[in-house]
């Protein structure tokens, strides 16, 4: 599946931040832990990678230090395939998603 031009710009922006911080294990660990915390807090599964990506974008783009060092690409947020961005983040940061859980019927008479 072809990733759209806008999504590619967003993925490249995230990839640049991750790549430039690979030499600093403490910074890379902090990046990974911050995103993993979102996954664990919101019980994000494979079905909700778009939610993870949008939340991570909102988090990272609200940090002045990040924006000072990594200017935002000129994009239309409505054109981003957040699912593809989420897949990239999980792969690049080696994140653990929450397992899918079947809805269990609750028998209140038991």
N, C-alpha and C. Protein backbone atom coordinates (compact mmCIF):
# COMPACT_ATOMS: atom_id res chain seq x y z
N UNK A 1 0.84 -1.18 0.00
CA UNK A 1 0.00 0.00 0.00
C UNK A 1 0.89 1.24 0.00
N UNK A 2 0.59 2.17 -0.85
CA UNK A 2 1.37 3.39 -0.99
C UNK A 2 0.98 4.38 0.10
N UNK A 3 1.98 4.92 0.78
CA UNK A 3 1.74 5.93 1.81
C UNK A 3 1.69 7.28 1.12
N UNK A 4 0.69 8.08 1.47
CA UNK A 4 0.54 9.40 0.87
C UNK A 4 1.71 10.32 1.20
N UNK A 5 1.87 11.33 0.38
CA UNK A 5 2.98 12.29 0.49
C UNK A 5 2.98 12.97 1.87
N UNK A 6 1.82 13.37 2.34
CA UNK A 6 1.73 14.05 3.63
C UNK A 6 2.13 13.11 4.76
N UNK A 7 1.64 11.88 4.72
CA UNK A 7 1.99 10.90 5.75
C UNK A 7 3.49 10.61 5.74
N UNK A 8 4.07 10.57 4.55
CA UNK A 8 5.51 10.35 4.43
C UNK A 8 6.28 11.48 5.11
N UNK A 9 5.81 12.72 4.97
CA UNK A 9 6.47 13.86 5.62
C UNK A 9 6.40 13.72 7.14
N UNK A 10 5.26 13.30 7.65
CA UNK A 10 5.10 13.14 9.10
C UNK A 10 5.99 12.00 9.60
N UNK A 11 5.99 10.89 8.89
CA UNK A 11 6.84 9.76 9.27
C UNK A 11 8.31 10.17 9.23
N UNK A 12 8.70 10.92 8.22
CA UNK A 12 10.09 11.39 8.11
C UNK A 12 10.45 12.31 9.27
N UNK A 13 9.51 13.15 9.68
CA UNK A 13 9.74 14.05 10.81
C UNK A 13 10.00 13.24 12.08
N UNK A 14 9.13 12.26 12.36
CA UNK A 14 9.34 11.39 13.52
C UNK A 14 10.65 10.61 13.39
N UNK A 15 10.91 10.07 12.21
CA UNK A 15 12.12 9.26 11.98
C UNK A 15 13.38 10.09 12.22
N UNK A 16 13.37 11.33 11.80
CA UNK A 16 14.52 12.21 11.99
C UNK A 16 14.79 12.41 13.49
N UNK A 17 13.76 12.63 14.26
CA UNK A 17 13.93 12.82 15.71
C UNK A 17 14.50 11.55 16.34
N UNK A 18 13.93 10.41 15.97
CA UNK A 18 14.39 9.13 16.53
C UNK A 18 15.84 8.87 16.13
N UNK A 19 16.14 9.07 14.85
CA UNK A 19 17.49 8.80 14.33
C UNK A 19 18.53 9.69 15.01
N UNK A 20 18.22 10.96 15.14
CA UNK A 20 19.19 11.90 15.72
C UNK A 20 19.41 11.66 17.20
N UNK A 21 18.51 10.94 17.86
CA UNK A 21 18.64 10.68 19.28
C UNK A 21 19.09 9.25 19.60
N UNK A 22 19.40 8.47 18.56
CA UNK A 22 19.83 7.08 18.78
C UNK A 22 21.15 7.01 19.53
N UNK A 23 21.98 8.00 19.40
CA UNK A 23 23.28 7.99 20.08
C UNK A 23 23.15 8.26 21.58
N UNK A 24 22.07 8.89 21.95
CA UNK A 24 21.84 9.18 23.37
C UNK A 24 20.81 8.18 23.90
N UNK A 25 21.32 7.13 24.52
CA UNK A 25 20.43 6.08 25.00
C UNK A 25 19.39 6.61 25.98
N UNK A 26 19.77 7.56 26.83
CA UNK A 26 18.81 8.08 27.80
C UNK A 26 17.67 8.84 27.13
N UNK A 27 17.98 9.61 26.09
CA UNK A 27 16.93 10.35 25.38
C UNK A 27 16.04 9.39 24.60
N UNK A 28 16.64 8.43 23.92
CA UNK A 28 15.86 7.46 23.17
C UNK A 28 14.97 6.63 24.10
N UNK A 29 15.50 6.27 25.25
CA UNK A 29 14.71 5.53 26.24
C UNK A 29 13.54 6.38 26.72
N UNK A 30 13.78 7.67 26.96
CA UNK A 30 12.72 8.56 27.40
C UNK A 30 11.63 8.69 26.33
N UNK A 31 12.04 8.80 25.07
CA UNK A 31 11.09 8.88 23.96
C UNK A 31 10.22 7.62 23.93
N UNK A 32 10.88 6.48 23.97
CA UNK A 32 10.15 5.21 23.93
C UNK A 32 9.22 5.06 25.12
N UNK A 33 9.70 5.36 26.32
CA UNK A 33 8.88 5.22 27.52
C UNK A 33 7.68 6.15 27.50
N UNK A 34 7.86 7.34 26.95
CA UNK A 34 6.75 8.31 26.90
C UNK A 34 5.62 7.80 26.01
N UNK A 35 5.98 7.25 24.85
CA UNK A 35 4.96 6.73 23.93
C UNK A 35 4.36 5.42 24.50
N UNK A 36 5.21 4.58 25.08
CA UNK A 36 4.72 3.34 25.67
C UNK A 36 3.74 3.62 26.80
N UNK A 37 3.99 4.67 27.58
CA UNK A 37 3.08 5.05 28.65
C UNK A 37 1.70 5.38 28.11
N UNK A 38 1.65 6.07 26.96
CA UNK A 38 0.35 6.36 26.32
C UNK A 38 -0.36 5.07 25.95
N UNK A 39 0.38 4.12 25.42
CA UNK A 39 -0.21 2.84 25.03
C UNK A 39 -0.77 2.14 26.26
N UNK A 40 0.02 2.08 27.32
CA UNK A 40 -0.39 1.37 28.53
C UNK A 40 -1.54 2.08 29.25
N UNK A 41 -1.52 3.41 29.25
CA UNK A 41 -2.55 4.19 29.94
C UNK A 41 -3.89 4.10 29.23
N UNK A 42 -3.85 4.11 27.91
CA UNK A 42 -5.09 4.13 27.12
C UNK A 42 -5.43 2.76 26.53
N UNK A 43 -4.69 1.72 26.92
CA UNK A 43 -4.91 0.35 26.45
C UNK A 43 -5.01 0.28 24.93
N UNK A 44 -4.04 0.88 24.26
CA UNK A 44 -4.06 0.97 22.80
C UNK A 44 -3.69 -0.37 22.18
N UNK A 45 -4.54 -0.81 21.28
CA UNK A 45 -4.33 -2.05 20.56
C UNK A 45 -3.96 -1.73 19.12
N UNK A 46 -3.75 -2.77 18.34
CA UNK A 46 -3.44 -2.60 16.92
C UNK A 46 -4.53 -1.84 16.18
N UNK A 47 -5.75 -1.95 16.68
CA UNK A 47 -6.89 -1.27 16.04
C UNK A 47 -6.91 0.24 16.28
N UNK A 48 -6.08 0.70 17.21
CA UNK A 48 -6.12 2.11 17.60
C UNK A 48 -4.80 2.84 17.33
N UNK A 49 -4.07 2.36 16.35
CA UNK A 49 -2.79 2.99 16.03
C UNK A 49 -2.95 4.43 15.56
N UNK A 50 -4.08 4.73 14.95
CA UNK A 50 -4.33 6.11 14.53
C UNK A 50 -4.43 7.03 15.75
N UNK A 51 -5.08 6.55 16.79
CA UNK A 51 -5.21 7.32 18.04
C UNK A 51 -3.83 7.54 18.65
N UNK A 52 -3.00 6.50 18.66
CA UNK A 52 -1.63 6.60 19.18
C UNK A 52 -0.84 7.64 18.40
N UNK A 53 -0.90 7.58 17.08
CA UNK A 53 -0.13 8.49 16.23
C UNK A 53 -0.57 9.94 16.42
N UNK A 54 -1.87 10.18 16.42
CA UNK A 54 -2.35 11.55 16.62
C UNK A 54 -1.97 12.08 17.99
N UNK A 55 -2.09 11.24 19.00
CA UNK A 55 -1.74 11.66 20.35
C UNK A 55 -0.26 11.96 20.48
N UNK A 56 0.57 11.14 19.85
CA UNK A 56 2.01 11.35 19.89
C UNK A 56 2.37 12.63 19.14
N UNK A 57 1.74 12.85 18.00
CA UNK A 57 1.96 14.09 17.23
C UNK A 57 1.60 15.30 18.10
N UNK A 58 0.43 15.26 18.72
CA UNK A 58 0.00 16.38 19.56
C UNK A 58 0.97 16.61 20.72
N UNK A 59 1.44 15.52 21.32
CA UNK A 59 2.37 15.61 22.43
C UNK A 59 3.70 16.23 21.98
N UNK A 60 4.28 15.66 20.94
CA UNK A 60 5.60 16.11 20.50
C UNK A 60 5.56 17.52 19.92
N UNK A 61 4.49 17.87 19.23
CA UNK A 61 4.42 19.20 18.61
C UNK A 61 4.04 20.28 19.62
N UNK A 62 3.76 19.89 20.85
CA UNK A 62 3.48 20.89 21.88
C UNK A 62 4.72 21.20 22.71
N UNK A 63 5.82 20.56 22.39
CA UNK A 63 7.08 20.77 23.12
C UNK A 63 7.97 21.75 22.36
N UNK A 64 8.23 22.88 23.00
CA UNK A 64 9.05 23.91 22.36
C UNK A 64 10.44 23.43 21.98
N UNK A 65 11.07 22.60 22.82
CA UNK A 65 12.41 22.12 22.51
C UNK A 65 12.43 21.27 21.25
N UNK A 66 11.40 20.45 21.09
CA UNK A 66 11.33 19.62 19.88
C UNK A 66 11.17 20.51 18.66
N UNK A 67 10.23 21.45 18.73
CA UNK A 67 9.96 22.31 17.57
C UNK A 67 11.15 23.20 17.22
N UNK A 68 11.90 23.60 18.24
CA UNK A 68 13.08 24.44 18.00
C UNK A 68 14.12 23.66 17.19
N UNK A 69 14.28 22.39 17.52
CA UNK A 69 15.30 21.57 16.87
C UNK A 69 14.80 20.82 15.64
N UNK A 70 13.51 20.61 15.54
CA UNK A 70 12.92 19.84 14.43
C UNK A 70 11.70 20.57 13.91
N UNK A 71 11.90 21.53 13.00
CA UNK A 71 10.75 22.30 12.48
C UNK A 71 9.71 21.39 11.84
N UNK A 72 8.46 21.77 12.02
CA UNK A 72 7.36 20.99 11.47
C UNK A 72 7.33 21.05 9.95
N UNK A 73 6.98 19.94 9.33
CA UNK A 73 6.79 19.99 7.88
C UNK A 73 5.51 20.76 7.56
N UNK A 74 5.48 21.36 6.40
CA UNK A 74 4.26 22.05 5.96
C UNK A 74 3.30 21.00 5.43
N UNK A 75 2.23 20.78 6.18
CA UNK A 75 1.28 19.72 5.84
C UNK A 75 -0.13 20.14 6.19
N UNK A 76 -1.07 19.42 5.62
CA UNK A 76 -2.48 19.54 5.99
C UNK A 76 -2.78 18.33 6.87
N UNK A 77 -3.07 18.58 8.14
CA UNK A 77 -3.31 17.49 9.08
C UNK A 77 -4.44 16.56 8.65
N UNK A 78 -5.36 17.07 7.87
CA UNK A 78 -6.50 16.25 7.41
C UNK A 78 -6.09 15.21 6.37
N UNK A 79 -4.90 15.33 5.82
CA UNK A 79 -4.44 14.41 4.78
C UNK A 79 -3.52 13.31 5.30
N UNK A 80 -3.32 13.27 6.61
CA UNK A 80 -2.40 12.29 7.19
C UNK A 80 -3.11 10.96 7.40
N UNK A 81 -2.45 9.89 7.00
CA UNK A 81 -2.93 8.54 7.28
C UNK A 81 -2.34 8.17 8.65
N UNK A 82 -3.06 8.49 9.70
CA UNK A 82 -2.56 8.30 11.06
C UNK A 82 -2.26 6.84 11.35
N UNK A 83 -2.99 5.93 10.75
CA UNK A 83 -2.74 4.50 10.95
C UNK A 83 -1.32 4.14 10.52
N UNK A 84 -0.91 4.63 9.35
CA UNK A 84 0.45 4.35 8.85
C UNK A 84 1.50 4.98 9.76
N UNK A 85 1.22 6.16 10.26
CA UNK A 85 2.15 6.82 11.18
C UNK A 85 2.27 6.00 12.47
N UNK A 86 1.14 5.51 12.96
CA UNK A 86 1.14 4.68 14.16
C UNK A 86 1.92 3.39 13.96
N UNK A 87 1.75 2.77 12.81
CA UNK A 87 2.51 1.55 12.50
C UNK A 87 4.00 1.84 12.51
N UNK A 88 4.39 2.97 11.93
CA UNK A 88 5.80 3.36 11.93
C UNK A 88 6.32 3.52 13.36
N UNK A 89 5.58 4.24 14.21
CA UNK A 89 6.04 4.48 15.58
C UNK A 89 6.23 3.18 16.35
N UNK A 90 5.28 2.27 16.22
CA UNK A 90 5.38 0.98 16.92
C UNK A 90 6.62 0.23 16.45
N UNK A 91 6.86 0.22 15.15
CA UNK A 91 8.01 -0.49 14.60
C UNK A 91 9.33 0.20 14.97
N UNK A 92 9.40 1.50 14.78
CA UNK A 92 10.65 2.24 15.00
C UNK A 92 11.06 2.25 16.47
N UNK A 93 10.08 2.34 17.36
CA UNK A 93 10.39 2.41 18.78
C UNK A 93 10.26 1.06 19.48
N UNK A 94 9.90 0.03 18.72
CA UNK A 94 9.73 -1.32 19.25
C UNK A 94 8.81 -1.32 20.47
N UNK A 95 7.60 -0.80 20.25
CA UNK A 95 6.61 -0.67 21.31
C UNK A 95 5.77 -1.93 21.46
N UNK A 96 5.20 -2.10 22.63
CA UNK A 96 4.30 -3.22 22.91
C UNK A 96 2.87 -2.69 22.99
N UNK A 97 2.03 -3.17 22.09
CA UNK A 97 0.63 -2.79 22.12
C UNK A 97 -0.12 -3.67 23.11
N UNK A 98 -1.24 -3.18 23.57
CA UNK A 98 -2.08 -4.00 24.45
C UNK A 98 -2.74 -5.08 23.60
N UNK A 99 -2.91 -6.27 24.17
CA UNK A 99 -3.53 -7.35 23.39
C UNK A 99 -5.01 -7.06 23.15
N UNK A 100 -5.49 -7.56 22.02
CA UNK A 100 -6.92 -7.46 21.72
C UNK A 100 -7.66 -8.32 22.73
N UNK A 101 -8.76 -7.83 23.24
CA UNK A 101 -9.54 -8.62 24.19
C UNK A 101 -10.94 -8.80 23.65
N UNK A 102 -11.40 -10.03 23.76
CA UNK A 102 -12.76 -10.34 23.35
C UNK A 102 -13.70 -9.77 24.40
N UNK A 103 -14.81 -9.22 23.96
CA UNK A 103 -15.83 -8.78 24.90
C UNK A 103 -16.45 -10.01 25.53
N UNK A 104 -16.45 -10.03 26.84
CA UNK A 104 -17.04 -11.16 27.52
C UNK A 104 -18.45 -10.79 27.95
N UNK A 105 -19.35 -11.75 27.77
CA UNK A 105 -20.71 -11.52 28.26
C UNK A 105 -20.71 -11.75 29.75
N UNK A 106 -21.35 -10.87 30.46
CA UNK A 106 -21.43 -10.99 31.90
C UNK A 106 -22.81 -11.51 32.26
N UNK A 107 -22.83 -12.62 32.96
CA UNK A 107 -24.10 -13.21 33.39
C UNK A 107 -24.33 -12.76 34.82
N UNK A 108 -25.23 -11.80 35.01
CA UNK A 108 -25.44 -11.24 36.33
C UNK A 108 -26.21 -12.18 37.25
N UNK A 109 -26.72 -13.27 36.72
CA UNK A 109 -27.45 -14.23 37.55
C UNK A 109 -26.53 -15.24 38.22
N UNK A 110 -25.30 -15.35 37.78
CA UNK A 110 -24.35 -16.30 38.38
C UNK A 110 -23.85 -15.83 39.71
